[in-house]
Amino acid sequence: MRIDVRGPRFGAALTSVVLAVVLITGSGWLLLAQAVFFAVGAAAGVQNSPYGWVFRTLVRPRLGPPPATEDAAPPRFAQTVGLAFSVVGVVGYLVGPQWLGMAATGCALAAAFLNAVFAYCLGCEMYLLLKRVGV
């Protein structure tokens, strides 16, 4: 399946905002909500995640046709990586130690920010690297 390249960047921008708010507030519950969004994106595909739905129904109709499309598998893998970091972060915030939650959230924020601002998806690059080495 191919997806509009702007969709994952839009989702990464929203994710960046949510993760920044988590770092500012220390809210493990907000990070848990983001983890659920990552889980939906990982299980159903990024185009079917809540942010994907917002992009598809509210944003994309106003933008016109996509300039390019991409395979949905690398962004879906990136959602799985984001899920892993957010779960570790939730454990850190809600169970402890808090520095673990902050560190995991910071790593996820860095990756989401790179995708949103520079169109560089770390999770997608990990996917391609793993595929090249045969995993």
Protein backbone atom coordinates (compact mmCIF):
# COMPACT_ATOMS: atom_id res chain seq x y z
CA MET A 1 0.00 0.00 0.00
CA ARG A 2 1.22 3.51 -0.84
CA ILE A 3 0.47 6.62 1.20
CA ASP A 4 0.75 10.38 0.72
CA VAL A 5 4.22 11.45 1.94
CA ARG A 6 2.71 14.46 3.70
CA GLY A 7 0.57 12.32 6.04
CA PRO A 8 3.36 10.91 8.22
CA ARG A 9 4.97 14.35 8.44
CA PHE A 10 1.66 15.84 9.61
CA GLY A 11 1.35 13.08 12.21
CA ALA A 12 4.94 13.66 13.30
CA ALA A 13 4.21 17.36 13.78
CA LEU A 14 1.23 16.61 16.02
CA THR A 15 3.23 13.96 17.84
CA SER A 16 6.04 16.48 18.42
CA VAL A 17 3.61 18.88 20.05
CA VAL A 18 2.14 16.17 22.27
CA LEU A 19 5.58 14.89 23.32
CA ALA A 20 6.80 18.42 24.06
CA VAL A 21 3.76 18.94 26.29
CA VAL A 22 4.55 15.64 28.03
CA LEU A 23 8.10 16.82 28.74
CA ILE A 24 6.87 20.18 30.02
CA THR A 25 4.10 18.79 32.21
CA GLY A 26 5.51 15.38 33.11
CA SER A 27 2.14 13.82 32.28
CA GLY A 28 2.47 10.07 32.01
CA TRP A 29 -1.23 9.89 31.16
CA LEU A 30 -0.83 12.10 28.11
CA LEU A 31 2.11 9.94 27.05
CA LEU A 32 -0.12 6.90 27.49
CA ALA A 33 -2.65 8.46 25.09
CA GLN A 34 0.17 9.02 22.58
CA ALA A 35 1.22 5.39 23.08
CA VAL A 36 -2.31 4.31 22.14
CA PHE A 37 -2.08 6.43 18.97
CA PHE A 38 1.26 4.78 18.16
CA ALA A 39 -0.28 1.35 18.79
CA VAL A 40 -3.13 2.05 16.37
CA GLY A 41 -0.65 3.27 13.75
CA ALA A 42 1.52 0.21 14.24
CA ALA A 43 -1.38 -2.25 14.11
CA ALA A 44 -3.65 -0.68 11.49
CA GLY A 45 -1.18 1.41 9.51
CA VAL A 46 -0.24 5.04 9.84
CA GLN A 47 -3.01 6.04 7.43
CA ASN A 48 -5.57 4.56 9.85
CA SER A 49 -4.17 6.14 13.01
CA PRO A 50 -6.04 9.04 14.62
CA TYR A 51 -3.57 11.56 13.16
CA GLY A 52 -3.84 9.81 9.79
CA TRP A 53 -7.60 10.14 9.91
CA VAL A 54 -7.35 13.88 10.67
CA PHE A 55 -4.91 14.30 7.77
CA ARG A 56 -7.00 12.26 5.35
CA THR A 57 -10.36 13.89 6.16
CA LEU A 58 -9.51 17.48 7.13
CA VAL A 59 -6.09 18.40 5.73
CA ARG A 60 -5.47 16.48 2.51
CA PRO A 61 -8.65 17.64 0.72
CA ARG A 62 -7.39 21.21 1.08
CA LEU A 63 -3.90 20.41 -0.23
CA GLY A 64 -4.70 18.73 -3.52
CA PRO A 65 -3.07 15.63 -4.93
CA PRO A 66 0.06 14.31 -3.24
CA PRO A 67 3.40 15.32 -4.75
CA ALA A 68 4.63 11.77 -4.11
CA THR A 69 3.65 8.55 -2.39
CA GLU A 70 5.65 6.10 -0.33
CA ASP A 71 5.37 2.52 0.87
CA ALA A 72 3.33 2.36 4.09
CA ALA A 73 5.57 -0.28 5.71
CA PRO A 74 8.47 1.95 6.87
CA PRO A 75 6.20 4.54 8.57
CA ARG A 76 4.26 1.68 10.16
CA PHE A 77 7.51 0.29 11.56
CA ALA A 78 8.36 3.79 12.81
CA GLN A 79 5.05 3.79 14.70
CA THR A 80 6.16 0.56 16.38
CA VAL A 81 9.45 2.17 17.41
CA GLY A 82 7.54 5.18 18.75
CA LEU A 83 5.26 2.81 20.65
CA ALA A 84 8.26 1.12 22.28
CA PHE A 85 9.75 4.43 23.43
CA SER A 86 6.43 5.74 24.66
CA VAL A 87 5.71 2.56 26.65
CA VAL A 88 9.10 2.86 28.34
CA GLY A 89 8.30 6.53 28.99
CA VAL A 90 4.91 5.71 30.49
CA VAL A 91 6.52 3.22 32.85
CA GLY A 92 9.08 5.84 33.84
CA TYR A 93 6.49 8.54 34.50
CA LEU A 94 3.89 6.38 36.23
CA VAL A 95 6.07 3.83 38.06
CA GLY A 96 9.49 5.44 38.13
CA PRO A 97 12.14 6.53 37.82
CA GLN A 98 10.94 9.79 36.30
CA TRP A 99 14.23 10.35 34.46
CA LEU A 100 13.44 7.22 32.43
CA GLY A 101 10.15 8.73 31.31
CA MET A 102 11.85 11.98 30.41
CA ALA A 103 14.66 10.25 28.50
CA ALA A 104 12.34 7.98 26.50
CA THR A 105 10.00 10.88 25.73
CA GLY A 106 12.96 13.03 24.67
CA CYS A 107 14.18 10.34 22.27
CA ALA A 108 10.72 9.96 20.75
CA LEU A 109 10.40 13.74 20.49
CA ALA A 110 13.74 14.01 18.70
CA ALA A 111 12.69 11.40 16.14
CA ALA A 112 9.25 12.95 15.59
CA PHE A 113 10.76 16.42 15.24
CA LEU A 114 13.26 15.21 12.63
CA ASN A 115 10.40 13.75 10.60
CA ALA A 116 8.14 16.77 10.98
CA VAL A 117 10.71 19.44 10.18
CA PHE A 118 13.28 17.73 7.95
CA ALA A 119 11.27 14.80 6.49
CA TYR A 120 13.87 12.45 7.96
CA CYS A 121 12.18 9.42 9.50
CA LEU A 122 14.56 7.56 11.82
CA GLY A 123 12.19 4.62 12.21
CA CYS A 124 11.84 4.38 8.43
CA GLU A 125 15.62 4.37 8.05
CA MET A 126 15.86 1.62 10.69
CA TYR A 127 13.28 -0.39 8.74
CA LEU A 128 15.25 -0.06 5.50
CA LEU A 129 18.51 -0.96 7.22
CA LEU A 130 16.98 -4.06 8.82
CA LYS A 131 15.50 -5.06 5.48
CA ARG A 132 18.88 -4.69 3.76
CA VAL A 133 20.60 -6.96 6.28
CA GLY A 134 17.84 -9.54 5.91
CA VAL A 135 15.93 -9.19 9.18
